[in-house]
PDB file of all heavy atoms in Angstrom:
ATOM      1  N   ARG A   1     185.972 -50.297  45.598  1.00  0.00           N
ATOM      2  CA  ARG A   1     184.626 -50.638  46.149  1.00  0.00           C
ATOM      3  C   ARG A   1     183.545 -49.818  45.495  1.00  0.00           C
ATOM      4  O   ARG A   1     182.378 -50.183  45.515  1.00  0.00           O
ATOM      5  CB  ARG A   1     184.649 -50.488  47.686  1.00  0.00           C
ATOM      6  CG  ARG A   1     185.352 -51.590  48.369  1.00  0.00           C
ATOM      7  CD  ARG A   1     185.687 -51.280  49.828  1.00  0.00           C
ATOM      8  NE  ARG A   1     186.128 -52.454  50.546  1.00  0.00           N
ATOM      9  CZ  ARG A   1     187.351 -52.987  50.470  1.00  0.00           C
ATOM     10  NH1 ARG A   1     188.243 -52.411  49.618  1.00  0.00           N
ATOM     11  NH2 ARG A   1     187.672 -54.060  51.151  1.00  0.00           N
ATOM     12  N   LEU A   2     183.921 -48.669  44.961  1.00  0.00           N
ATOM     13  CA  LEU A   2     182.929 -47.824  44.299  1.00  0.00           C
ATOM     14  C   LEU A   2     182.859 -48.005  42.779  1.00  0.00           C
ATOM     15  O   LEU A   2     181.786 -47.953  42.195  1.00  0.00           O
ATOM     16  CB  LEU A   2     183.246 -46.327  44.587  1.00  0.00           C
ATOM     17  CG  LEU A   2     183.019 -45.896  46.045  1.00  0.00           C
ATOM     18  CD1 LEU A   2     183.617 -44.464  46.198  1.00  0.00           C
ATOM     19  CD2 LEU A   2     181.571 -45.859  46.407  1.00  0.00           C
ATOM     20  N   VAL A   3     184.007 -48.250  42.140  1.00  0.00           N
ATOM     21  CA  VAL A   3     183.990 -48.276  40.670  1.00  0.00           C
ATOM     22  C   VAL A   3     184.529 -49.551  40.079  1.00  0.00           C
ATOM     23  O   VAL A   3     184.561 -49.695  38.850  1.00  0.00           O
ATOM     24  CB  VAL A   3     184.833 -47.072  40.121  1.00  0.00           C
ATOM     25  CG1 VAL A   3     184.283 -45.745  40.614  1.00  0.00           C
ATOM     26  CG2 VAL A   3     186.333 -47.214  40.477  1.00  0.00           C
ATOM     27  N   GLY A   4     185.003 -50.511  40.899  1.00  0.00           N
ATOM     28  CA  GLY A   4     185.530 -51.745  40.418  1.00  0.00           C
ATOM     29  C   GLY A   4     187.043 -51.652  40.311  1.00  0.00           C
ATOM     30  O   GLY A   4     187.655 -50.564  40.229  1.00  0.00           O
ATOM     31  N   VAL A   5     187.700 -52.801  40.261  1.00  0.00           N
ATOM     32  CA  VAL A   5     189.152 -52.857  40.275  1.00  0.00           C
ATOM     33  C   VAL A   5     189.782 -52.250  39.033  1.00  0.00           C
ATOM     34  O   VAL A   5     190.714 -51.447  39.101  1.00  0.00           O
ATOM     35  CB  VAL A   5     189.635 -54.317  40.459  1.00  0.00           C
ATOM     36  CG1 VAL A   5     191.147 -54.421  40.249  1.00  0.00           C
ATOM     37  CG2 VAL A   5     189.247 -54.873  41.818  1.00  0.00           C
ATOM     38  N   ASP A   6     189.290 -52.596  37.852  1.00  0.00           N
ATOM     39  CA  ASP A   6     189.880 -52.131  36.617  1.00  0.00           C
ATOM     40  C   ASP A   6     189.781 -50.628  36.503  1.00  0.00           C
ATOM     41  O   ASP A   6     190.746 -49.916  36.172  1.00  0.00           O
ATOM     42  CB  ASP A   6     189.317 -52.810  35.383  1.00  0.00           C
ATOM     43  CG  ASP A   6     187.803 -52.608  35.276  1.00  0.00           C
ATOM     44  OD1 ASP A   6     187.149 -52.321  36.268  1.00  0.00           O
ATOM     45  OD2 ASP A   6     187.277 -52.830  34.164  1.00  0.00           O
ATOM     46  N   ARG A   7     188.629 -50.065  36.774  1.00  0.00           N
ATOM     47  CA  ARG A   7     188.423 -48.614  36.702  1.00  0.00           C
ATOM     48  C   ARG A   7     189.269 -47.890  37.769  1.00  0.00           C
ATOM     49  O   ARG A   7     189.859 -46.856  37.510  1.00  0.00           O
ATOM     50  CB  ARG A   7     186.963 -48.257  36.861  1.00  0.00           C
ATOM     51  CG  ARG A   7     186.676 -46.782  36.825  1.00  0.00           C
ATOM     52  CD  ARG A   7     186.812 -46.228  35.439  1.00  0.00           C
ATOM     53  NE  ARG A   7     185.660 -46.557  34.585  1.00  0.00           N
ATOM     54  CZ  ARG A   7     185.501 -46.082  33.364  1.00  0.00           C
ATOM     55  NH1 ARG A   7     186.344 -45.278  32.842  1.00  0.00           N
ATOM     56  NH2 ARG A   7     184.419 -46.428  32.668  1.00  0.00           N
ATOM     57  N   ALA A   8     189.352 -48.471  38.968  1.00  0.00           N
ATOM     58  CA  ALA A   8     190.137 -47.883  40.032  1.00  0.00           C
ATOM     59  C   ALA A   8     191.639 -47.774  39.612  1.00  0.00           C
ATOM     60  O   ALA A   8     192.270 -46.736  39.832  1.00  0.00           O
ATOM     61  CB  ALA A   8     190.009 -48.669  41.299  1.00  0.00           C
ATOM     62  N   LEU A   9     192.155 -48.848  39.067  1.00  0.00           N
ATOM     63  CA  LEU A   9     193.558 -48.830  38.623  1.00  0.00           C
ATOM     64  C   LEU A   9     193.758 -47.825  37.523  1.00  0.00           C
ATOM     65  O   LEU A   9     194.778 -47.121  37.481  1.00  0.00           O
ATOM     66  CB  LEU A   9     193.960 -50.234  38.206  1.00  0.00           C
ATOM     67  CG  LEU A   9     194.173 -51.220  39.340  1.00  0.00           C
ATOM     68  CD1 LEU A   9     194.357 -52.624  38.788  1.00  0.00           C
ATOM     69  CD2 LEU A   9     195.348 -50.836  40.230  1.00  0.00           C
ATOM     70  N   GLU A  10     192.815 -47.734  36.595  1.00  0.00           N
ATOM     71  CA  GLU A  10     192.942 -46.754  35.523  1.00  0.00           C
ATOM     72  C   GLU A  10     192.966 -45.322  36.075  1.00  0.00           C
ATOM     73  O   GLU A  10     193.781 -44.508  35.684  1.00  0.00           O
ATOM     74  CB  GLU A  10     191.802 -46.904  34.551  1.00  0.00           C
ATOM     75  CG  GLU A  10     191.869 -45.948  33.362  1.00  0.00           C
ATOM     76  CD  GLU A  10     190.758 -46.180  32.354  1.00  0.00           C
ATOM     77  OE1 GLU A  10     189.582 -45.835  32.668  1.00  0.00           O
ATOM     78  OE2 GLU A  10     191.035 -46.748  31.295  1.00  0.00           O
ATOM     79  N   ILE A  11     192.066 -45.025  36.995  1.00  0.00           N
ATOM     80  CA  ILE A  11     192.008 -43.716  37.614  1.00  0.00           C
ATOM     81  C   ILE A  11     193.313 -43.351  38.332  1.00  0.00           C
ATOM     82  O   ILE A  11     193.849 -42.258  38.216  1.00  0.00           O
ATOM     83  CB  ILE A  11     190.811 -43.617  38.594  1.00  0.00           C
ATOM     84  CG1 ILE A  11     189.509 -43.647  37.813  1.00  0.00           C
ATOM     85  CG2 ILE A  11     190.888 -42.338  39.427  1.00  0.00           C
ATOM     86  CD1 ILE A  11     188.281 -43.848  38.679  1.00  0.00           C
ATOM     87  N   LEU A  12     193.863 -44.347  39.056  1.00  0.00           N
ATOM     88  CA  LEU A  12     195.098 -44.113  39.786  1.00  0.00           C
ATOM     89  C   LEU A  12     196.299 -44.042  38.861  1.00  0.00           C
ATOM     90  O   LEU A  12     197.192 -43.195  39.036  1.00  0.00           O
ATOM     91  CB  LEU A  12     195.296 -45.256  40.797  1.00  0.00           C
ATOM     92  CG  LEU A  12     194.339 -45.250  42.007  1.00  0.00           C
ATOM     93  CD1 LEU A  12     194.493 -46.548  42.791  1.00  0.00           C
ATOM     94  CD2 LEU A  12     194.620 -44.043  42.896  1.00  0.00           C
ATOM     95  N   TRP A  13     196.374 -44.943  37.873  1.00  0.00           N
ATOM     96  CA  TRP A  13     197.551 -45.007  36.992  1.00  0.00           C
ATOM     97  C   TRP A  13     197.642 -43.809  36.045  1.00  0.00           C
ATOM     98  O   TRP A  13     198.738 -43.402  35.683  1.00  0.00           O
ATOM     99  CB  TRP A  13     197.537 -46.298  36.170  1.00  0.00           C
ATOM    100  CG  TRP A  13     197.943 -47.496  36.968  1.00  0.00           C
ATOM    101  CD1 TRP A  13     198.615 -47.548  38.138  1.00  0.00           C
ATOM    102  CD2 TRP A  13     197.684 -48.877  36.624  1.00  0.00           C
ATOM    103  NE1 TRP A  13     198.806 -48.827  38.568  1.00  0.00           N
ATOM    104  CE2 TRP A  13     198.251 -49.687  37.627  1.00  0.00           C
ATOM    105  CE3 TRP A  13     197.026 -49.486  35.588  1.00  0.00           C
ATOM    106  CZ2 TRP A  13     198.170 -51.070  37.648  1.00  0.00           C
ATOM    107  CZ3 TRP A  13     196.958 -50.873  35.544  1.00  0.00           C
ATOM    108  CH2 TRP A  13     197.535 -51.656  36.578  1.00  0.00           C
ATOM    109  N   THR A  14     196.522 -43.247  35.657  1.00  0.00           N
ATOM    110  CA  THR A  14     196.531 -42.153  34.690  1.00  0.00           C
ATOM    111  C   THR A  14     196.555 -40.767  35.406  1.00  0.00           C
ATOM    112  O   THR A  14     197.098 -39.807  34.856  1.00  0.00           O
ATOM    113  CB  THR A  14     195.324 -42.132  33.739  1.00  0.00           C
ATOM    114  OG1 THR A  14     194.127 -41.959  34.523  1.00  0.00           O
ATOM    115  CG2 THR A  14     195.261 -43.496  32.992  1.00  0.00           C
ATOM    116  N   GLY A  15     195.894 -40.684  36.582  1.00  0.00           N
ATOM    117  CA  GLY A  15     195.756 -39.410  37.228  1.00  0.00           C
ATOM    118  C   GLY A  15     194.858 -38.419  36.489  1.00  0.00           C
ATOM    119  O   GLY A  15     194.912 -37.213  36.721  1.00  0.00           O
ATOM    120  N   ASP A  16     194.052 -38.947  35.570  1.00  0.00           N
ATOM    121  CA  ASP A  16     193.176 -38.102  34.737  1.00  0.00           C
ATOM    122  C   ASP A  16     192.174 -37.307  35.597  1.00  0.00           C
ATOM    123  O   ASP A  16     191.758 -37.760  36.662  1.00  0.00           O
ATOM    124  CB  ASP A  16     192.381 -38.930  33.738  1.00  0.00           C
ATOM    125  CG  ASP A  16     193.286 -39.431  32.583  1.00  0.00           C
ATOM    126  OD1 ASP A  16     194.412 -38.900  32.436  1.00  0.00           O
ATOM    127  OD2 ASP A  16     192.803 -40.311  31.826  1.00  0.00           O
ATOM    128  N   THR A  17     191.778 -36.158  35.057  1.00  0.00           N
ATOM    129  CA  THR A  17     190.804 -35.306  35.703  1.00  0.00           C
ATOM    130  C   THR A  17     189.434 -35.600  35.090  1.00  0.00           C
ATOM    131  O   THR A  17     189.305 -35.730  33.848  1.00  0.00           O
ATOM    132  CB  THR A  17     191.142 -33.826  35.513  1.00  0.00           C
ATOM    133  OG1 THR A  17     192.397 -33.579  36.187  1.00  0.00           O
ATOM    134  CG2 THR A  17     190.087 -32.930  36.110  1.00  0.00           C
ATOM    135  N   TYR A  18     188.405 -35.640  35.942  1.00  0.00           N
ATOM    136  CA  TYR A  18     187.032 -35.896  35.481  1.00  0.00           C
ATOM    137  C   TYR A  18     186.109 -34.744  35.877  1.00  0.00           C
ATOM    138  O   TYR A  18     186.246 -34.177  36.945  1.00  0.00           O
ATOM    139  CB  TYR A  18     186.475 -37.194  36.124  1.00  0.00           C
ATOM    140  CG  TYR A  18     187.267 -38.439  35.771  1.00  0.00           C
ATOM    141  CD1 TYR A  18     188.420 -38.775  36.458  1.00  0.00           C
ATOM    142  CD2 TYR A  18     186.843 -39.253  34.726  1.00  0.00           C
ATOM    143  CE1 TYR A  18     189.133 -39.928  36.138  1.00  0.00           C
ATOM    144  CE2 TYR A  18     187.545 -40.406  34.385  1.00  0.00           C
ATOM    145  CZ  TYR A  18     188.686 -40.731  35.089  1.00  0.00           C
ATOM    146  OH  TYR A  18     189.401 -41.857  34.770  1.00  0.00           O
ATOM    147  N   THR A  19     185.162 -34.427  35.012  1.00  0.00           N
ATOM    148  CA  THR A  19     184.118 -33.475  35.396  1.00  0.00           C
ATOM    149  C   THR A  19     183.189 -34.156  36.362  1.00  0.00           C
ATOM    150  O   THR A  19     183.223 -35.374  36.562  1.00  0.00           O
ATOM    151  CB  THR A  19     183.319 -33.021  34.165  1.00  0.00           C
ATOM    152  OG1 THR A  19     182.582 -34.168  33.641  1.00  0.00           O
ATOM    153  CG2 THR A  19     184.245 -32.474  33.066  1.00  0.00           C
ATOM    154  N   ALA A  20     182.357 -33.354  36.978  1.00  0.00           N
ATOM    155  CA  ALA A  20     181.391 -33.911  37.931  1.00  0.00           C
ATOM    156  C   ALA A  20     180.498 -34.960  37.262  1.00  0.00           C
ATOM    157  O   ALA A  20     180.186 -36.016  37.814  1.00  0.00           O
ATOM    158  CB  ALA A  20     180.583 -32.790  38.574  1.00  0.00           C
ATOM    159  N   GLU A  21     180.021 -34.608  36.046  1.00  0.00           N
ATOM    160  CA  GLU A  21     179.131 -35.533  35.331  1.00  0.00           C
ATOM    161  C   GLU A  21     179.862 -36.819  34.972  1.00  0.00           C
ATOM    162  O   GLU A  21     179.290 -37.929  35.138  1.00  0.00           O
ATOM    163  CB  GLU A  21     178.569 -34.864  34.091  1.00  0.00           C
ATOM    164  CG  GLU A  21     177.530 -33.801  34.349  1.00  0.00           C
ATOM    165  CD  GLU A  21     176.194 -34.349  34.864  1.00  0.00           C
ATOM    166  OE1 GLU A  21     176.017 -35.585  34.880  1.00  0.00           O
ATOM    167  OE2 GLU A  21     175.353 -33.517  35.256  1.00  0.00           O
ATOM    168  N   GLU A  22     181.090 -36.745  34.556  1.00  0.00           N
ATOM    169  CA  GLU A  22     181.883 -37.912  34.239  1.00  0.00           C
ATOM    170  C   GLU A  22     182.070 -38.744  35.513  1.00  0.00           C
ATOM    171  O   GLU A  22     181.989 -39.996  35.453  1.00  0.00           O
ATOM    172  CB  GLU A  22     183.203 -37.516  33.621  1.00  0.00           C
ATOM    173  CG  GLU A  22     183.077 -36.977  32.220  1.00  0.00           C
ATOM    174  CD  GLU A  22     184.371 -36.339  31.720  1.00  0.00           C
ATOM    175  OE1 GLU A  22     185.245 -35.985  32.561  1.00  0.00           O
ATOM    176  OE2 GLU A  22     184.555 -36.221  30.476  1.00  0.00           O
ATOM    177  N   ALA A  23     182.358 -38.108  36.593  1.00  0.00           N
ATOM    178  CA  ALA A  23     182.593 -38.810  37.838  1.00  0.00           C
ATOM    179  C   ALA A  23     181.318 -39.516  38.310  1.00  0.00           C
ATOM    180  O   ALA A  23     181.354 -40.635  38.829  1.00  0.00           O
ATOM    181  CB  ALA A  23     183.093 -37.846  38.899  1.00  0.00           C
ATOM    182  N   LYS A  24     180.186 -38.875  38.067  1.00  0.00           N
ATOM    183  CA  LYS A  24     178.900 -39.505  38.422  1.00  0.00           C
ATOM    184  C   LYS A  24     178.672 -40.781  37.577  1.00  0.00           C
ATOM    185  O   LYS A  24     178.185 -41.798  38.102  1.00  0.00           O
ATOM    186  CB  LYS A  24     177.756 -38.510  38.218  1.00  0.00           C
ATOM    187  CG  LYS A  24     176.391 -39.059  38.599  1.00  0.00           C
ATOM    188  CD  LYS A  24     175.303 -38.004  38.463  1.00  0.00           C
ATOM    189  CE  LYS A  24     173.951 -38.502  38.913  1.00  0.00           C
ATOM    190  NZ  LYS A  24     173.426 -39.606  38.046  1.00  0.00           N
ATOM    191  N   GLN A  25     178.996 -40.671  36.309  1.00  0.00           N
ATOM    192  CA  GLN A  25     178.755 -41.828  35.384  1.00  0.00           C
ATOM    193  C   GLN A  25     179.550 -43.054  35.799  1.00  0.00           C
ATOM    194  O   GLN A  25     179.097 -44.191  35.567  1.00  0.00           O
ATOM    195  CB  GLN A  25     179.064 -41.405  33.981  1.00  0.00           C
ATOM    196  CG  GLN A  25     178.062 -40.410  33.393  1.00  0.00           C
ATOM    197  CD  GLN A  25     178.531 -39.877  32.014  1.00  0.00           C
ATOM    198  OE1 GLN A  25     179.497 -40.410  31.431  1.00  0.00           O
ATOM    199  NE2 GLN A  25     177.869 -38.850  31.543  1.00  0.00           N
ATOM    200  N   ILE A  26     180.735 -42.860  36.374  1.00  0.00           N
ATOM    201  CA  ILE A  26     181.536 -44.018  36.754  1.00  0.00           C
ATOM    202  C   ILE A  26     181.378 -44.405  38.225  1.00  0.00           C
ATOM    203  O   ILE A  26     182.016 -45.318  38.707  1.00  0.00           O
ATOM    204  CB  ILE A  26     183.031 -43.792  36.434  1.00  0.00           C
ATOM    205  CG1 ILE A  26     183.593 -42.592  37.206  1.00  0.00           C
ATOM    206  CG2 ILE A  26     183.205 -43.626  34.930  1.00  0.00           C
ATOM    207  CD1 ILE A  26     185.087 -42.390  36.975  1.00  0.00           C
ATOM    208  N   GLY A  27     180.521 -43.688  38.957  1.00  0.00           N
ATOM    209  CA  GLY A  27     180.213 -44.103  40.314  1.00  0.00           C
ATOM    210  C   GLY A  27     180.949 -43.396  41.420  1.00  0.00           C
ATOM    211  O   GLY A  27     180.821 -43.762  42.578  1.00  0.00           O
ATOM    212  N   LEU A  28     181.703 -42.320  41.112  1.00  0.00           N
ATOM    213  CA  LEU A  28     182.415 -41.593  42.128  1.00  0.00           C
ATOM    214  C   LEU A  28     181.545 -40.599  42.880  1.00  0.00           C
ATOM    215  O   LEU A  28     181.821 -40.267  44.006  1.00  0.00           O
ATOM    216  CB  LEU A  28     183.630 -40.843  41.512  1.00  0.00           C
ATOM    217  CG  LEU A  28     184.811 -41.691  41.025  1.00  0.00           C
ATOM    218  CD1 LEU A  28     185.854 -40.790  40.388  1.00  0.00           C
ATOM    219  CD2 LEU A  28     185.412 -42.475  42.174  1.00  0.00           C
ATOM    220  N   ILE A  29     180.533 -40.073  42.196  1.00  0.00           N
ATOM    221  CA  ILE A  29     179.627 -39.068  42.731  1.00  0.00           C
ATOM    222  C   ILE A  29     178.195 -39.568  42.665  1.00  0.00           C
ATOM    223  O   ILE A  29     177.806 -40.220  41.711  1.00  0.00           O
ATOM    224  CB  ILE A  29     179.837 -37.755  41.973  1.00  0.00           C
ATOM    225  CG1 ILE A  29     181.192 -37.135  42.327  1.00  0.00           C
ATOM    226  CG2 ILE A  29     178.735 -36.755  42.265  1.00  0.00           C
ATOM    227  CD1 ILE A  29     181.522 -35.870  41.565  1.00  0.00           C
ATOM    228  N   THR A  30     177.421 -39.197  43.669  1.00  0.00           N
ATOM    229  CA  THR A  30     176.048 -39.664  43.774  1.00  0.00           C
ATOM    230  C   THR A  30     175.083 -38.737  43.028  1.00  0.00           C
ATOM    231  O   THR A  30     174.230 -39.191  42.259  1.00  0.00           O
ATOM    232  CB  THR A  30     175.581 -39.758  45.226  1.00  0.00           C
ATOM    233  OG1 THR A  30     176.625 -40.382  45.998  1.00  0.00           O
ATOM    234  CG2 THR A  30     174.315 -40.565  45.371  1.00  0.00           C
ATOM    235  N   HIS A  31     175.189 -37.424  43.263  1.00  0.00           N
ATOM    236  CA  HIS A  31     174.336 -36.463  42.632  1.00  0.00           C
ATOM    237  C   HIS A  31     175.160 -35.285  42.117  1.00  0.00           C
ATOM    238  O   HIS A  31     176.099 -34.872  42.807  1.00  0.00           O
ATOM    239  CB  HIS A  31     173.298 -35.888  43.598  1.00  0.00           C
ATOM    240  CG  HIS A  31     172.305 -36.924  44.138  1.00  0.00           C
ATOM    241  ND1 HIS A  31     171.271 -37.410  43.371  1.00  0.00           N
ATOM    242  CD2 HIS A  31     172.229 -37.544  45.349  1.00  0.00           C
ATOM    243  CE1 HIS A  31     170.589 -38.292  44.097  1.00  0.00           C
ATOM    244  NE2 HIS A  31     171.152 -38.380  45.283  1.00  0.00           N
ATOM    245  N   VAL A  32     174.757 -34.766  40.950  1.00  0.00           N
ATOM    246  CA  VAL A  32     175.354 -33.529  40.435  1.00  0.00           C
ATOM    247  C   VAL A  32     174.251 -32.514  40.259  1.00  0.00           C
ATOM    248  O   VAL A  32     173.200 -32.852  39.679  1.00  0.00           O
ATOM    249  CB  VAL A  32     176.114 -33.788  39.113  1.00  0.00           C
ATOM    250  CG1 VAL A  32     176.653 -32.453  38.535  1.00  0.00           C
ATOM    251  CG2 VAL A  32     177.201 -34.795  39.257  1.00  0.00           C
ATOM    252  N   VAL A  33     174.480 -31.309  40.785  1.00  0.00           N
ATOM    253  CA  VAL A  33     173.438 -30.281  40.680  1.00  0.00           C
ATOM    254  C   VAL A  33     174.045 -28.996  40.167  1.00  0.00           C
ATOM    255  O   VAL A  33     175.274 -28.785  40.266  1.00  0.00           O
ATOM    256  CB  VAL A  33     172.780 -30.019  42.046  1.00  0.00           C
ATOM    257  CG1 VAL A  33     172.117 -31.281  42.553  1.00  0.00           C
ATOM    258  CG2 VAL A  33     173.824 -29.539  43.076  1.00  0.00           C
ATOM    259  N   PRO A  34     173.251 -28.092  39.587  1.00  0.00           N
ATOM    260  CA  PRO A  34     173.779 -26.807  39.153  1.00  0.00           C
ATOM    261  C   PRO A  34     174.488 -26.094  40.289  1.00  0.00           C
ATOM    262  O   PRO A  34     174.041 -26.179  41.449  1.00  0.00           O
ATOM    263  CB  PRO A  34     172.535 -26.063  38.656  1.00  0.00           C
ATOM    264  CG  PRO A  34     171.588 -27.120  38.261  1.00  0.00           C
ATOM    265  CD  PRO A  34     171.820 -28.273  39.236  1.00  0.00           C
ATOM    266  N   ASP A  35     175.514 -25.355  39.964  1.00  0.00           N
ATOM    267  CA  ASP A  35     176.320 -24.689  41.012  1.00  0.00           C
ATOM    268  C   ASP A  35     175.463 -23.898  42.005  1.00  0.00           C
ATOM    269  O   ASP A  35     175.635 -24.008  43.239  1.00  0.00           O
ATOM    270  CB  ASP A  35     177.338 -23.770  40.364  1.00  0.00           C
ATOM    271  CG  ASP A  35     178.314 -24.482  39.476  1.00  0.00           C
ATOM    272  OD1 ASP A  35     178.388 -25.727  39.557  1.00  0.00           O
ATOM    273  OD2 ASP A  35     179.028 -23.793  38.708  1.00  0.00           O
TER     274      ASP A  35
END
C-alpha cells in the first residue's frame, strides 16, 4: 500500500537494508532530517 506490489515483494524477498534517504525515495519514510 505504500510502495506498490513489485517493490514490496522485492523488499521482502531480498531483505536488503536501506538508508533513510533511500527509504524516503521509495515511499517508506515521509521525512528525513539531520540526526
